[in-house]
């Protein structure tokens, strides 16, 4: 996919990368999309991010979320494979 700026859906959602004709999208979720578990220290997806994903799927979008901490650890080849 070629990506220069975010895509806005007809439903009003902003997506990092999208193929609107096929209703496929990729969201690279940065640190603000997560809460850090107090007892475990693990990242947990926050409620608004989960809600957005659920709504997009309800509207027929095939959504892939990529966590910033996973993306940052990938090589360029691994990143291309995810896309």
PDB file of N, CA and C in Angstrom:
ATOM      1  N   UNK A   1       0.821  -1.181   0.000  1.00  0.00           N
ATOM      2  CA  UNK A   1       0.000   0.000   0.000  1.00  0.00           C
ATOM      3  C   UNK A   1       0.862   1.240   0.000  1.00  0.00           C
ATOM      4  N   UNK A   2       0.407   2.240  -0.676  1.00  0.00           N
ATOM      5  CA  UNK A   2       1.062   3.536  -0.636  1.00  0.00           C
ATOM      6  C   UNK A   2       0.355   4.373   0.428  1.00  0.00           C
ATOM      7  N   UNK A   3       1.135   5.047   1.250  1.00  0.00           N
ATOM      8  CA  UNK A   3       0.527   5.775   2.365  1.00  0.00           C
ATOM      9  C   UNK A   3       1.179   7.141   2.517  1.00  0.00           C
ATOM     10  N   UNK A   4       0.367   8.183   2.409  1.00  0.00           N
ATOM     11  CA  UNK A   4       0.901   9.521   2.616  1.00  0.00           C
ATOM     12  C   UNK A   4       0.228  10.214   3.789  1.00  0.00           C
ATOM     13  N   UNK A   5      -1.057   9.949   4.005  1.00  0.00           N
ATOM     14  CA  UNK A   5      -1.743  10.533   5.146  1.00  0.00           C
ATOM     15  C   UNK A   5      -2.886   9.621   5.556  1.00  0.00           C
ATOM     16  N   UNK A   6      -3.464   9.913   6.704  1.00  0.00           N
ATOM     17  CA  UNK A   6      -4.535   9.076   7.222  1.00  0.00           C
ATOM     18  C   UNK A   6      -5.758   9.109   6.308  1.00  0.00           C
ATOM     19  N   UNK A   7      -6.504   8.028   6.373  1.00  0.00           N
ATOM     20  CA  UNK A   7      -7.742   7.922   5.606  1.00  0.00           C
ATOM     21  C   UNK A   7      -8.926   8.171   6.539  1.00  0.00           C
ATOM     22  N   UNK A   8      -9.895   8.928   6.078  1.00  0.00           N
ATOM     23  CA  UNK A   8     -11.122   9.174   6.845  1.00  0.00           C
ATOM     24  C   UNK A   8     -12.242   8.352   6.202  1.00  0.00           C
ATOM     25  N   UNK A   9     -12.888   7.483   6.995  1.00  0.00           N
ATOM     26  CA  UNK A   9     -13.981   6.657   6.484  1.00  0.00           C
ATOM     27  C   UNK A   9     -15.258   7.489   6.350  1.00  0.00           C
ATOM     28  N   UNK A  10     -16.230   6.965   5.620  1.00  0.00           N
ATOM     29  CA  UNK A  10     -17.513   7.661   5.494  1.00  0.00           C
ATOM     30  C   UNK A  10     -18.227   7.724   6.838  1.00  0.00           C
ATOM     31  N   UNK A  11     -17.870   6.795   7.741  1.00  0.00           N
ATOM     32  CA  UNK A  11     -18.449   6.802   9.083  1.00  0.00           C
ATOM     33  C   UNK A  11     -17.784   7.824  10.000  1.00  0.00           C
ATOM     34  N   UNK A  12     -16.680   8.437   9.527  1.00  0.00           N
ATOM     35  CA  UNK A  12     -16.007   9.478  10.292  1.00  0.00           C
ATOM     36  C   UNK A  12     -14.789   9.032  11.079  1.00  0.00           C
ATOM     37  N   UNK A  13     -14.350   7.783  10.880  1.00  0.00           N
ATOM     38  CA  UNK A  13     -13.165   7.296  11.588  1.00  0.00           C
ATOM     39  C   UNK A  13     -11.901   7.620  10.819  1.00  0.00           C
ATOM     40  N   UNK A  14     -10.832   7.879  11.539  1.00  0.00           N
ATOM     41  CA  UNK A  14      -9.520   8.111  10.952  1.00  0.00           C
ATOM     42  C   UNK A  14      -8.714   6.814  11.054  1.00  0.00           C
ATOM     43  N   UNK A  15      -8.110   6.395   9.919  1.00  0.00           N
ATOM     44  CA  UNK A  15      -7.318   5.166   9.870  1.00  0.00           C
ATOM     45  C   UNK A  15      -5.916   5.484   9.380  1.00  0.00           C
ATOM     46  N   UNK A  16      -4.923   4.824   9.953  1.00  0.00           N
ATOM     47  CA  UNK A  16      -3.535   5.066   9.549  1.00  0.00           C
ATOM     48  C   UNK A  16      -3.300   4.675   8.096  1.00  0.00           C
ATOM     49  N   UNK A  17      -3.735   3.483   7.720  1.00  0.00           N
ATOM     50  CA  UNK A  17      -3.604   3.001   6.340  1.00  0.00           C
ATOM     51  C   UNK A  17      -4.894   2.284   5.989  1.00  0.00           C
ATOM     52  N   UNK A  18      -5.386   2.501   4.760  1.00  0.00           N
ATOM     53  CA  UNK A  18      -6.653   1.883   4.400  1.00  0.00           C
ATOM     54  C   UNK A  18      -6.746   1.622   2.903  1.00  0.00           C
ATOM     55  N   UNK A  19      -7.456   0.562   2.583  1.00  0.00           N
ATOM     56  CA  UNK A  19      -7.882   0.258   1.226  1.00  0.00           C
ATOM     57  C   UNK A  19      -9.409   0.330   1.276  1.00  0.00           C
ATOM     58  N   UNK A  20      -9.977   1.514   1.031  1.00  0.00           N
ATOM     59  CA  UNK A  20     -11.409   1.717   1.229  1.00  0.00           C
ATOM     60  C   UNK A  20     -12.288   0.818   0.359  1.00  0.00           C
ATOM     61  N   UNK A  21     -11.855   0.514  -0.856  1.00  0.00           N
ATOM     62  CA  UNK A  21     -12.665  -0.328  -1.731  1.00  0.00           C
ATOM     63  C   UNK A  21     -12.849  -1.726  -1.153  1.00  0.00           C
ATOM     64  N   UNK A  22     -11.805  -2.239  -0.505  1.00  0.00           N
ATOM     65  CA  UNK A  22     -11.855  -3.581   0.092  1.00  0.00           C
ATOM     66  C   UNK A  22     -12.206  -3.523   1.580  1.00  0.00           C
ATOM     67  N   UNK A  23     -12.308  -2.321   2.116  1.00  0.00           N
ATOM     68  CA  UNK A  23     -12.571  -2.103   3.554  1.00  0.00           C
ATOM     69  C   UNK A  23     -11.547  -2.850   4.414  1.00  0.00           C
ATOM     70  N   UNK A  24     -10.263  -2.666   4.053  1.00  0.00           N
ATOM     71  CA  UNK A  24      -9.158  -3.211   4.841  1.00  0.00           C
ATOM     72  C   UNK A  24      -8.364  -2.045   5.404  1.00  0.00           C
ATOM     73  N   UNK A  25      -7.909  -2.197   6.660  1.00  0.00           N
ATOM     74  CA  UNK A  25      -7.171  -1.103   7.289  1.00  0.00           C
ATOM     75  C   UNK A  25      -6.128  -1.632   8.256  1.00  0.00           C
ATOM     76  N   UNK A  26      -5.089  -0.817   8.426  1.00  0.00           N
ATOM     77  CA  UNK A  26      -4.047  -1.089   9.408  1.00  0.00           C
ATOM     78  C   UNK A  26      -3.946   0.118  10.319  1.00  0.00           C
ATOM     79  N   UNK A  27      -3.954  -0.139  11.605  1.00  0.00           N
ATOM     80  CA  UNK A  27      -3.747   0.894  12.603  1.00  0.00           C
ATOM     81  C   UNK A  27      -2.468   0.561  13.363  1.00  0.00           C
ATOM     82  N   UNK A  28      -1.513   1.479  13.366  1.00  0.00           N
ATOM     83  CA  UNK A  28      -0.308   1.327  14.180  1.00  0.00           C
ATOM     84  C   UNK A  28      -0.573   2.104  15.457  1.00  0.00           C
ATOM     85  N   UNK A  29      -0.779   1.368  16.531  1.00  0.00           N
ATOM     86  CA  UNK A  29      -1.188   1.968  17.795  1.00  0.00           C
ATOM     87  C   UNK A  29       0.011   2.380  18.638  1.00  0.00           C
ATOM     88  N   UNK A  30       0.134   3.676  18.863  1.00  0.00           N
ATOM     89  CA  UNK A  30       1.209   4.218  19.680  1.00  0.00           C
ATOM     90  C   UNK A  30       0.919   4.079  21.170  1.00  0.00           C
ATOM     91  N   UNK A  31       1.813   4.597  21.999  1.00  0.00           N
ATOM     92  CA  UNK A  31       1.699   4.451  23.454  1.00  0.00           C
ATOM     93  C   UNK A  31       0.392   4.971  24.052  1.00  0.00           C
ATOM     94  N   UNK A  32      -0.215   5.973  23.420  1.00  0.00           N
ATOM     95  CA  UNK A  32      -1.442   6.541  23.979  1.00  0.00           C
ATOM     96  C   UNK A  32      -2.654   5.615  23.823  1.00  0.00           C
ATOM     97  N   UNK A  33      -2.506   4.520  23.071  1.00  0.00           N
ATOM     98  CA  UNK A  33      -3.582   3.549  22.898  1.00  0.00           C
ATOM     99  C   UNK A  33      -3.551   2.466  23.972  1.00  0.00           C
ATOM    100  N   UNK A  34      -2.622   2.573  24.899  1.00  0.00           N
ATOM    101  CA  UNK A  34      -2.421   1.515  25.895  1.00  0.00           C
ATOM    102  C   UNK A  34      -2.402   2.056  27.317  1.00  0.00           C
ATOM    103  N   UNK A  35      -2.779   1.173  28.210  1.00  0.00           N
ATOM    104  CA  UNK A  35      -2.619   1.410  29.645  1.00  0.00           C
ATOM    105  C   UNK A  35      -1.567   0.417  30.120  1.00  0.00           C
ATOM    106  N   UNK A  36      -0.762   0.821  31.057  1.00  0.00           N
ATOM    107  CA  UNK A  36       0.235  -0.099  31.593  1.00  0.00           C
ATOM    108  C   UNK A  36      -0.338  -0.754  32.841  1.00  0.00           C
ATOM    109  N   UNK A  37      -0.394  -2.086  32.812  1.00  0.00           N
ATOM    110  CA  UNK A  37      -0.934  -2.828  33.948  1.00  0.00           C
ATOM    111  C   UNK A  37      -0.121  -2.574  35.201  1.00  0.00           C
ATOM    112  N   UNK A  38      -0.787  -2.164  36.266  1.00  0.00           N
ATOM    113  CA  UNK A  38      -0.097  -1.809  37.507  1.00  0.00           C
ATOM    114  C   UNK A  38       0.622  -3.001  38.116  1.00  0.00           C
ATOM    115  N   UNK A  39       0.004  -4.156  38.113  1.00  0.00           N
ATOM    116  CA  UNK A  39       0.623  -5.314  38.762  1.00  0.00           C
ATOM    117  C   UNK A  39       1.573  -6.055  37.841  1.00  0.00           C
ATOM    118  N   UNK A  40       1.252  -6.111  36.541  1.00  0.00           N
ATOM    119  CA  UNK A  40       2.069  -6.909  35.627  1.00  0.00           C
ATOM    120  C   UNK A  40       3.091  -6.083  34.850  1.00  0.00           C
ATOM    121  N   UNK A  41       2.816  -4.796  34.664  1.00  0.00           N
ATOM    122  CA  UNK A  41       3.694  -3.962  33.852  1.00  0.00           C
ATOM    123  C   UNK A  41       3.474  -4.154  32.358  1.00  0.00           C
ATOM    124  N   UNK A  42       2.535  -5.033  31.979  1.00  0.00           N
ATOM    125  CA  UNK A  42       2.246  -5.278  30.568  1.00  0.00           C
ATOM    126  C   UNK A  42       1.332  -4.190  30.012  1.00  0.00           C
ATOM    127  N   UNK A  43       1.426  -3.969  28.698  1.00  0.00           N
ATOM    128  CA  UNK A  43       0.549  -3.003  28.044  1.00  0.00           C
ATOM    129  C   UNK A  43      -0.814  -3.655  27.791  1.00  0.00           C
ATOM    130  N   UNK A  44      -1.879  -2.881  28.056  1.00  0.00           N
ATOM    131  CA  UNK A  44      -3.246  -3.326  27.838  1.00  0.00           C
ATOM    132  C   UNK A  44      -3.921  -2.288  26.949  1.00  0.00           C
ATOM    133  N   UNK A  45      -4.591  -2.741  25.881  1.00  0.00           N
ATOM    134  CA  UNK A  45      -5.273  -1.819  24.978  1.00  0.00           C
ATOM    135  C   UNK A  45      -6.361  -1.079  25.747  1.00  0.00           C
ATOM    136  N   UNK A  46      -6.420   0.245  25.554  1.00  0.00           N
ATOM    137  CA  UNK A  46      -7.416   1.034  26.285  1.00  0.00           C
ATOM    138  C   UNK A  46      -8.814   0.877  25.680  1.00  0.00           C
ATOM    139  N   UNK A  47      -9.800   1.322  26.432  1.00  0.00           N
ATOM    140  CA  UNK A  47     -11.190   1.137  26.046  1.00  0.00           C
ATOM    141  C   UNK A  47     -11.587   1.820  24.758  1.00  0.00           C
ATOM    142  N   UNK A  48     -11.112   3.037  24.520  1.00  0.00           N
ATOM    143  CA  UNK A  48     -11.515   3.757  23.309  1.00  0.00           C
ATOM    144  C   UNK A  48     -10.951   3.093  22.051  1.00  0.00           C
ATOM    145  N   UNK A  49      -9.763   2.524  22.147  1.00  0.00           N
ATOM    146  CA  UNK A  49      -9.163   1.823  21.007  1.00  0.00           C
ATOM    147  C   UNK A  49      -9.936   0.541  20.715  1.00  0.00           C
ATOM    148  N   UNK A  50     -10.306  -0.182  21.763  1.00  0.00           N
ATOM    149  CA  UNK A  50     -11.112  -1.401  21.577  1.00  0.00           C
ATOM    150  C   UNK A  50     -12.478  -1.064  20.980  1.00  0.00           C
ATOM    151  N   UNK A  51     -13.087   0.009  21.458  1.00  0.00           N
ATOM    152  CA  UNK A  51     -14.404   0.414  20.972  1.00  0.00           C
ATOM    153  C   UNK A  51     -14.346   0.799  19.493  1.00  0.00           C
ATOM    154  N   UNK A  52     -13.334   1.569  19.107  1.00  0.00           N
ATOM    155  CA  UNK A  52     -13.172   1.962  17.710  1.00  0.00           C
ATOM    156  C   UNK A  52     -13.039   0.726  16.827  1.00  0.00           C
ATOM    157  N   UNK A  53     -12.217  -0.234  17.240  1.00  0.00           N
ATOM    158  CA  UNK A  53     -12.021  -1.460  16.461  1.00  0.00           C
ATOM    159  C   UNK A  53     -13.338  -2.231  16.333  1.00  0.00           C
ATOM    160  N   UNK A  54     -14.086  -2.312  17.415  1.00  0.00           N
ATOM    161  CA  UNK A  54     -15.360  -3.023  17.389  1.00  0.00           C
ATOM    162  C   UNK A  54     -16.349  -2.336  16.440  1.00  0.00           C
ATOM    163  N   UNK A  55     -16.411  -1.007  16.484  1.00  0.00           N
ATOM    164  CA  UNK A  55     -17.308  -0.281  15.581  1.00  0.00           C
ATOM    165  C   UNK A  55     -16.902  -0.457  14.121  1.00  0.00           C
ATOM    166  N   UNK A  56     -15.612  -0.359  13.841  1.00  0.00           N
ATOM    167  CA  UNK A  56     -15.152  -0.527  12.462  1.00  0.00           C
ATOM    168  C   UNK A  56     -15.513  -1.912  11.929  1.00  0.00           C
ATOM    169  N   UNK A  57     -15.334  -2.933  12.755  1.00  0.00           N
ATOM    170  CA  UNK A  57     -15.697  -4.293  12.324  1.00  0.00           C
ATOM    171  C   UNK A  57     -17.205  -4.406  12.104  1.00  0.00           C
ATOM    172  N   UNK A  58     -17.980  -3.725  12.920  1.00  0.00           N
ATOM    173  CA  UNK A  58     -19.439  -3.714  12.745  1.00  0.00           C
ATOM    174  C   UNK A  58     -19.811  -3.094  11.399  1.00  0.00           C
ATOM    175  N   UNK A  59     -19.053  -2.076  10.972  1.00  0.00           N
ATOM    176  CA  UNK A  59     -19.279  -1.435   9.680  1.00  0.00           C
ATOM    177  C   UNK A  59     -18.656  -2.206   8.516  1.00  0.00           C
ATOM    178  N   UNK A  60     -18.091  -3.381   8.788  1.00  0.00           N
ATOM    179  CA  UNK A  60     -17.586  -4.237   7.713  1.00  0.00           C
ATOM    180  C   UNK A  60     -16.110  -4.101   7.401  1.00  0.00           C
ATOM    181  N   UNK A  61     -15.364  -3.351   8.203  1.00  0.00           N
ATOM    182  CA  UNK A  61     -13.931  -3.188   7.976  1.00  0.00           C
ATOM    183  C   UNK A  61     -13.166  -4.392   8.512  1.00  0.00           C
ATOM    184  N   UNK A  62     -12.159  -4.822   7.771  1.00  0.00           N
ATOM    185  CA  UNK A  62     -11.202  -5.829   8.219  1.00  0.00           C
ATOM    186  C   UNK A  62     -10.008  -5.045   8.755  1.00  0.00           C
ATOM    187  N   UNK A  63      -9.834  -5.059  10.063  1.00  0.00           N
ATOM    188  CA  UNK A  63      -8.855  -4.188  10.725  1.00  0.00           C
ATOM    189  C   UNK A  63      -7.733  -5.000  11.346  1.00  0.00           C
ATOM    190  N   UNK A  64      -6.510  -4.551  11.103  1.00  0.00           N
ATOM    191  CA  UNK A  64      -5.340  -5.126  11.763  1.00  0.00           C
ATOM    192  C   UNK A  64      -4.693  -4.037  12.615  1.00  0.00           C
ATOM    193  N   UNK A  65      -4.517  -4.323  13.889  1.00  0.00           N
ATOM    194  CA  UNK A  65      -3.842  -3.391  14.785  1.00  0.00           C
ATOM    195  C   UNK A  65      -2.429  -3.881  15.040  1.00  0.00           C
ATOM    196  N   UNK A  66      -1.482  -2.968  14.927  1.00  0.00           N
ATOM    197  CA  UNK A  66      -0.082  -3.283  15.192  1.00  0.00           C
ATOM    198  C   UNK A  66       0.375  -2.417  16.358  1.00  0.00           C
ATOM    199  N   UNK A  67       0.845  -3.059  17.411  1.00  0.00           N
ATOM    200  CA  UNK A  67       1.296  -2.338  18.601  1.00  0.00           C
ATOM    201  C   UNK A  67       2.660  -1.701  18.361  1.00  0.00           C
ATOM    202  N   UNK A  68       2.835  -0.486  18.868  1.00  0.00           N
ATOM    203  CA  UNK A  68       4.099   0.230  18.674  1.00  0.00           C
ATOM    204  C   UNK A  68       5.290  -0.572  19.194  1.00  0.00           C
ATOM    205  N   UNK A  69       5.106  -1.281  20.310  1.00  0.00           N
ATOM    206  CA  UNK A  69       6.233  -2.017  20.883  1.00  0.00           C
ATOM    207  C   UNK A  69       6.564  -3.261  20.077  1.00  0.00           C
ATOM    208  N   UNK A  70       5.622  -3.762  19.293  1.00  0.00           N
ATOM    209  CA  UNK A  70       5.922  -4.862  18.381  1.00  0.00           C
ATOM    210  C   UNK A  70       6.540  -4.330  17.095  1.00  0.00           C
ATOM    211  N   UNK A  71       5.982  -3.234  16.569  1.00  0.00           N
ATOM    212  CA  UNK A  71       6.457  -2.635  15.320  1.00  0.00           C
ATOM    213  C   UNK A  71       7.918  -2.209  15.438  1.00  0.00           C
ATOM    214  N   UNK A  72       8.253  -1.578  16.556  1.00  0.00           N
ATOM    215  CA  UNK A  72       9.607  -1.058  16.753  1.00  0.00           C
ATOM    216  C   UNK A  72      10.658  -2.162  16.781  1.00  0.00           C
ATOM    217  N   UNK A  73      10.265  -3.366  17.144  1.00  0.00           N
ATOM    218  CA  UNK A  73      11.216  -4.479  17.234  1.00  0.00           C
ATOM    219  C   UNK A  73      11.381  -5.231  15.917  1.00  0.00           C
ATOM    220  N   UNK A  74      10.568  -4.919  14.915  1.00  0.00           N
ATOM    221  CA  UNK A  74      10.587  -5.649  13.646  1.00  0.00           C
ATOM    222  C   UNK A  74      11.634  -5.078  12.702  1.00  0.00           C
ATOM    223  N   UNK A  75      12.193  -5.948  11.881  1.00  0.00           N
ATOM    224  CA  UNK A  75      13.067  -5.508  10.792  1.00  0.00           C
ATOM    225  C   UNK A  75      12.183  -4.962   9.675  1.00  0.00           C
ATOM    226  N   UNK A  76      12.778  -4.312   8.701  1.00  0.00           N
ATOM    227  CA  UNK A  76      12.011  -3.781   7.574  1.00  0.00           C
ATOM    228  C   UNK A  76      11.282  -4.903   6.830  1.00  0.00           C
ATOM    229  N   UNK A  77      11.943  -6.043   6.649  1.00  0.00           N
ATOM    230  CA  UNK A  77      11.314  -7.182   5.974  1.00  0.00           C
ATOM    231  C   UNK A  77      10.118  -7.703   6.765  1.00  0.00           C
ATOM    232  N   UNK A  78      10.255  -7.773   8.076  1.00  0.00           N
ATOM    233  CA  UNK A  78       9.152  -8.248   8.923  1.00  0.00           C
ATOM    234  C   UNK A  78       7.979  -7.262   8.886  1.00  0.00           C
ATOM    235  N   UNK A  79       8.289  -5.979   8.825  1.00  0.00           N
ATOM    236  CA  UNK A  79       7.235  -4.966   8.758  1.00  0.00           C
ATOM    237  C   UNK A  79       6.454  -5.101   7.454  1.00  0.00           C
ATOM    238  N   UNK A  80       7.165  -5.294   6.363  1.00  0.00           N
ATOM    239  CA  UNK A  80       6.502  -5.452   5.054  1.00  0.00           C
ATOM    240  C   UNK A  80       5.616  -6.693   5.047  1.00  0.00           C
ATOM    241  N   UNK A  81       6.056  -7.726   5.723  1.00  0.00           N
ATOM    242  CA  UNK A  81       5.273  -8.955   5.784  1.00  0.00           C
ATOM    243  C   UNK A  81       3.966  -8.725   6.555  1.00  0.00           C
ATOM    244  N   UNK A  82       4.012  -7.916   7.605  1.00  0.00           N
ATOM    245  CA  UNK A  82       2.796  -7.604   8.359  1.00  0.00           C
ATOM    246  C   UNK A  82       1.788  -6.839   7.500  1.00  0.00           C
ATOM    247  N   UNK A  83       2.298  -5.983   6.637  1.00  0.00           N
ATOM    248  CA  UNK A  83       1.421  -5.173   5.795  1.00  0.00           C
ATOM    249  C   UNK A  83       0.844  -6.004   4.679  1.00  0.00           C
TER     250      UNK A  83
END
